[in-house]
Amino acid sequence: MFKYSAIAINQAGSIFSMQPLLLLSGTMALYGITSIGWVLILRHAELGKIYPIMALAFVFVPIASYFLFGEKFSGGYFAGSAMIAAGLILIVSTS
């Protein structure tokens, strides 16, 4: 959503045009809602056990950017993603 907002700002030439402003406002609202959800999850889970799952964003966001924006990433991405997956498996299996 932040990327869509940035594209809209570039196309409009200003953050204060209606479309970019609405898109950015919606993005910030969604970000706030997910932050509240994160706090609610942390009420019932230990940070050390649940926080490593956030690393999955480094795997899924580039994949989404490939499909949504046509962005490319290097072969090192796959090696890094495999390391993240291996680290998560290690963390989960030893918890």
N, C-alpha and C. Protein backbone atom coordinates (compact mmCIF):
# COMPACT_ATOMS: atom_id res chain seq x y z
N MET A 1 0.83 -1.19 0.00
CA MET A 1 0.00 0.00 0.00
C MET A 1 0.88 1.26 0.00
N PHE A 2 1.99 1.21 0.73
CA PHE A 2 2.88 2.37 0.72
C PHE A 2 3.44 2.60 -0.68
N LYS A 3 3.76 1.54 -1.39
CA LYS A 3 4.27 1.66 -2.76
C LYS A 3 3.21 2.26 -3.67
N TYR A 4 1.96 1.80 -3.55
CA TYR A 4 0.88 2.38 -4.34
C TYR A 4 0.73 3.88 -4.03
N SER A 5 0.87 4.24 -2.77
CA SER A 5 0.79 5.65 -2.39
C SER A 5 1.91 6.45 -3.04
N ALA A 6 3.12 5.89 -3.04
CA ALA A 6 4.26 6.59 -3.64
C ALA A 6 4.06 6.77 -5.14
N ILE A 7 3.54 5.75 -5.80
CA ILE A 7 3.26 5.85 -7.23
C ILE A 7 2.21 6.92 -7.50
N ALA A 8 1.16 6.95 -6.69
CA ALA A 8 0.10 7.95 -6.86
C ALA A 8 0.63 9.36 -6.65
N ILE A 9 1.52 9.53 -5.68
CA ILE A 9 2.11 10.85 -5.43
C ILE A 9 2.96 11.27 -6.62
N ASN A 10 3.76 10.34 -7.16
CA ASN A 10 4.58 10.66 -8.33
C ASN A 10 3.71 11.04 -9.53
N GLN A 11 2.63 10.30 -9.74
CA GLN A 11 1.76 10.58 -10.89
C GLN A 11 1.04 11.91 -10.74
N ALA A 12 0.60 12.23 -9.53
CA ALA A 12 -0.13 13.47 -9.31
C ALA A 12 0.80 14.67 -9.18
N GLY A 13 2.04 14.41 -8.79
CA GLY A 13 3.00 15.50 -8.62
C GLY A 13 2.92 16.18 -7.26
N SER A 14 2.01 15.70 -6.41
CA SER A 14 1.86 16.31 -5.08
C SER A 14 1.18 15.32 -4.14
N ILE A 15 1.62 15.35 -2.91
CA ILE A 15 0.98 14.51 -1.90
C ILE A 15 -0.41 15.05 -1.53
N PHE A 16 -0.65 16.31 -1.88
CA PHE A 16 -1.89 16.96 -1.47
C PHE A 16 -3.00 16.85 -2.51
N SER A 17 -2.75 16.15 -3.61
CA SER A 17 -3.82 15.88 -4.57
C SER A 17 -4.76 14.84 -3.95
N MET A 18 -5.98 14.80 -4.41
CA MET A 18 -7.01 13.98 -3.77
C MET A 18 -6.66 12.48 -3.76
N GLN A 19 -6.33 11.90 -4.91
CA GLN A 19 -6.08 10.46 -4.95
C GLN A 19 -4.91 10.04 -4.06
N PRO A 20 -3.74 10.69 -4.17
CA PRO A 20 -2.65 10.27 -3.29
C PRO A 20 -2.96 10.47 -1.80
N LEU A 21 -3.66 11.54 -1.50
CA LEU A 21 -3.99 11.82 -0.10
C LEU A 21 -4.94 10.77 0.45
N LEU A 22 -5.94 10.38 -0.33
CA LEU A 22 -6.87 9.34 0.11
C LEU A 22 -6.17 7.99 0.23
N LEU A 23 -5.33 7.67 -0.74
CA LEU A 23 -4.63 6.39 -0.71
C LEU A 23 -3.66 6.33 0.47
N LEU A 24 -2.93 7.39 0.70
CA LEU A 24 -2.00 7.43 1.83
C LEU A 24 -2.75 7.39 3.16
N SER A 25 -3.87 8.07 3.24
CA SER A 25 -4.68 8.04 4.47
C SER A 25 -5.19 6.63 4.74
N GLY A 26 -5.68 5.97 3.70
CA GLY A 26 -6.14 4.59 3.85
C GLY A 26 -5.01 3.66 4.26
N THR A 27 -3.83 3.88 3.68
CA THR A 27 -2.66 3.09 4.02
C THR A 27 -2.28 3.27 5.48
N MET A 28 -2.28 4.50 5.93
CA MET A 28 -1.93 4.77 7.33
C MET A 28 -2.98 4.19 8.28
N ALA A 29 -4.24 4.25 7.88
CA ALA A 29 -5.30 3.66 8.71
C ALA A 29 -5.11 2.15 8.82
N LEU A 30 -4.82 1.50 7.71
CA LEU A 30 -4.58 0.06 7.73
C LEU A 30 -3.35 -0.28 8.57
N TYR A 31 -2.32 0.53 8.46
CA TYR A 31 -1.11 0.34 9.26
C TYR A 31 -1.44 0.45 10.75
N GLY A 32 -2.27 1.43 11.11
CA GLY A 32 -2.68 1.59 12.50
C GLY A 32 -3.50 0.41 13.01
N ILE A 33 -4.39 -0.09 12.17
CA ILE A 33 -5.21 -1.24 12.55
C ILE A 33 -4.34 -2.47 12.77
N THR A 34 -3.38 -2.70 11.88
CA THR A 34 -2.50 -3.86 12.05
C THR A 34 -1.62 -3.70 13.29
N SER A 35 -1.25 -2.47 13.62
CA SER A 35 -0.47 -2.24 14.84
C SER A 35 -1.29 -2.58 16.08
N ILE A 36 -2.55 -2.20 16.07
CA ILE A 36 -3.43 -2.55 17.18
C ILE A 36 -3.58 -4.07 17.28
N GLY A 37 -3.73 -4.72 16.13
CA GLY A 37 -3.81 -6.18 16.12
C GLY A 37 -2.56 -6.81 16.69
N TRP A 38 -1.40 -6.25 16.37
CA TRP A 38 -0.12 -6.75 16.90
C TRP A 38 -0.10 -6.64 18.42
N VAL A 39 -0.55 -5.52 18.94
CA VAL A 39 -0.59 -5.34 20.40
C VAL A 39 -1.53 -6.35 21.04
N LEU A 40 -2.68 -6.60 20.41
CA LEU A 40 -3.62 -7.58 20.96
C LEU A 40 -3.03 -8.99 20.95
N ILE A 41 -2.30 -9.32 19.91
CA ILE A 41 -1.63 -10.63 19.86
C ILE A 41 -0.60 -10.74 20.96
N LEU A 42 0.16 -9.68 21.19
CA LEU A 42 1.21 -9.70 22.21
C LEU A 42 0.66 -9.79 23.63
N ARG A 43 -0.62 -9.51 23.81
CA ARG A 43 -1.22 -9.67 25.13
C ARG A 43 -1.24 -11.13 25.54
N HIS A 44 -1.24 -12.04 24.55
CA HIS A 44 -1.40 -13.46 24.82
C HIS A 44 -0.20 -14.31 24.41
N ALA A 45 0.82 -13.70 23.85
CA ALA A 45 1.97 -14.47 23.36
C ALA A 45 3.26 -13.80 23.80
N GLU A 46 4.30 -14.59 23.92
CA GLU A 46 5.60 -14.05 24.27
C GLU A 46 6.25 -13.44 23.03
N LEU A 47 6.83 -12.28 23.19
CA LEU A 47 7.45 -11.56 22.08
C LEU A 47 8.54 -12.40 21.42
N GLY A 48 9.34 -13.07 22.22
CA GLY A 48 10.44 -13.87 21.68
C GLY A 48 9.98 -15.03 20.82
N LYS A 49 8.76 -15.49 21.05
CA LYS A 49 8.23 -16.60 20.25
C LYS A 49 7.49 -16.13 19.00
N ILE A 50 6.86 -14.99 19.09
CA ILE A 50 6.02 -14.53 18.00
C ILE A 50 6.73 -13.56 17.06
N TYR A 51 7.69 -12.79 17.55
CA TYR A 51 8.34 -11.77 16.74
C TYR A 51 9.12 -12.33 15.55
N PRO A 52 9.77 -13.47 15.66
CA PRO A 52 10.48 -14.00 14.49
C PRO A 52 9.59 -14.20 13.27
N ILE A 53 8.30 -14.37 13.47
CA ILE A 53 7.38 -14.52 12.34
C ILE A 53 7.36 -13.27 11.48
N MET A 54 7.67 -12.12 12.07
CA MET A 54 7.74 -10.87 11.32
C MET A 54 8.79 -10.96 10.21
N ALA A 55 9.79 -11.83 10.37
CA ALA A 55 10.83 -11.99 9.35
C ALA A 55 10.25 -12.50 8.03
N LEU A 56 9.08 -13.11 8.08
CA LEU A 56 8.45 -13.58 6.85
C LEU A 56 8.12 -12.44 5.90
N ALA A 57 8.02 -11.23 6.44
CA ALA A 57 7.78 -10.07 5.58
C ALA A 57 8.92 -9.90 4.58
N PHE A 58 10.15 -10.25 4.98
CA PHE A 58 11.30 -10.13 4.08
C PHE A 58 11.25 -11.17 2.97
N VAL A 59 10.42 -12.17 3.13
CA VAL A 59 10.24 -13.19 2.09
C VAL A 59 9.05 -12.82 1.20
N PHE A 60 7.93 -12.50 1.81
CA PHE A 60 6.69 -12.32 1.07
C PHE A 60 6.55 -10.96 0.38
N VAL A 61 7.08 -9.90 0.96
CA VAL A 61 6.95 -8.58 0.34
C VAL A 61 7.66 -8.51 -1.01
N PRO A 62 8.89 -9.00 -1.15
CA PRO A 62 9.49 -8.99 -2.49
C PRO A 62 8.74 -9.86 -3.50
N ILE A 63 8.19 -10.98 -3.04
CA ILE A 63 7.40 -11.81 -3.95
C ILE A 63 6.18 -11.03 -4.42
N ALA A 64 5.50 -10.36 -3.50
CA ALA A 64 4.34 -9.55 -3.87
C ALA A 64 4.75 -8.41 -4.81
N SER A 65 5.91 -7.80 -4.56
CA SER A 65 6.35 -6.69 -5.42
C SER A 65 6.64 -7.18 -6.84
N TYR A 66 7.06 -8.42 -6.96
CA TYR A 66 7.29 -9.00 -8.29
C TYR A 66 5.97 -9.08 -9.06
N PHE A 67 4.92 -9.59 -8.40
CA PHE A 67 3.64 -9.77 -9.07
C PHE A 67 2.86 -8.46 -9.23
N LEU A 68 2.94 -7.58 -8.24
CA LEU A 68 2.15 -6.35 -8.29
C LEU A 68 2.81 -5.23 -9.07
N PHE A 69 4.14 -5.12 -8.99
CA PHE A 69 4.84 -3.99 -9.58
C PHE A 69 5.87 -4.38 -10.64
N GLY A 70 6.05 -5.67 -10.85
CA GLY A 70 7.02 -6.12 -11.83
C GLY A 70 8.46 -5.89 -11.40
N GLU A 71 8.69 -5.74 -10.10
CA GLU A 71 10.04 -5.51 -9.61
C GLU A 71 10.85 -6.80 -9.68
N LYS A 72 12.12 -6.66 -9.87
CA LYS A 72 13.03 -7.80 -9.97
C LYS A 72 13.90 -7.87 -8.73
N PHE A 73 14.36 -9.07 -8.42
CA PHE A 73 15.32 -9.22 -7.33
C PHE A 73 16.32 -10.28 -7.72
N SER A 74 17.49 -10.24 -7.11
CA SER A 74 18.60 -11.09 -7.52
C SER A 74 18.46 -12.50 -6.96
N GLY A 75 19.34 -13.36 -7.44
CA GLY A 75 19.37 -14.73 -6.94
C GLY A 75 19.70 -14.81 -5.47
N GLY A 76 20.39 -13.79 -4.96
CA GLY A 76 20.69 -13.75 -3.54
C GLY A 76 19.44 -13.70 -2.69
N TYR A 77 18.35 -13.21 -3.28
CA TYR A 77 17.07 -13.18 -2.56
C TYR A 77 16.65 -14.58 -2.14
N PHE A 78 16.82 -15.55 -3.05
CA PHE A 78 16.41 -16.92 -2.75
C PHE A 78 17.28 -17.52 -1.64
N ALA A 79 18.57 -17.24 -1.68
CA ALA A 79 19.46 -17.74 -0.62
C ALA A 79 19.10 -17.11 0.72
N GLY A 80 18.85 -15.81 0.70
CA GLY A 80 18.46 -15.13 1.94
C GLY A 80 17.13 -15.62 2.47
N SER A 81 16.19 -15.85 1.57
CA SER A 81 14.88 -16.36 1.99
C SER A 81 15.01 -17.75 2.59
N ALA A 82 15.88 -18.57 2.00
CA ALA A 82 16.10 -19.91 2.55
C ALA A 82 16.71 -19.82 3.95
N MET A 83 17.61 -18.87 4.15
CA MET A 83 18.21 -18.69 5.48
C MET A 83 17.17 -18.23 6.50
N ILE A 84 16.29 -17.33 6.08
CA ILE A 84 15.23 -16.87 6.96
C ILE A 84 14.32 -18.04 7.33
N ALA A 85 13.94 -18.84 6.34
CA ALA A 85 13.09 -20.00 6.59
C ALA A 85 13.77 -20.99 7.53
N ALA A 86 15.06 -21.24 7.28
CA ALA A 86 15.81 -22.16 8.16
C ALA A 86 15.89 -21.61 9.59
N GLY A 87 16.10 -20.31 9.71
CA GLY A 87 16.16 -19.69 11.03
C GLY A 87 14.83 -19.80 11.76
N LEU A 88 13.73 -19.58 11.03
CA LEU A 88 12.41 -19.70 11.65
C LEU A 88 12.13 -21.13 12.08
N ILE A 89 12.52 -22.08 11.26
CA ILE A 89 12.33 -23.49 11.63
C ILE A 89 13.13 -23.81 12.89
N LEU A 90 14.34 -23.31 12.94
CA LEU A 90 15.19 -23.53 14.11
C LEU A 90 14.58 -22.90 15.36
N ILE A 91 14.11 -21.69 15.24
CA ILE A 91 13.50 -20.99 16.39
C ILE A 91 12.26 -21.72 16.87
N VAL A 92 11.39 -22.09 15.95
CA VAL A 92 10.13 -22.75 16.31
C VAL A 92 10.39 -24.13 16.90
N SER A 93 11.35 -24.85 16.35
CA SER A 93 11.59 -26.21 16.82
C SER A 93 12.28 -26.26 18.17
N THR A 94 12.95 -25.18 18.57
CA THR A 94 13.63 -25.17 19.87
C THR A 94 12.84 -24.42 20.94
N SER A 95 11.67 -23.91 20.58
CA SER A 95 10.87 -23.16 21.56
C SER A 95 10.10 -24.10 22.47
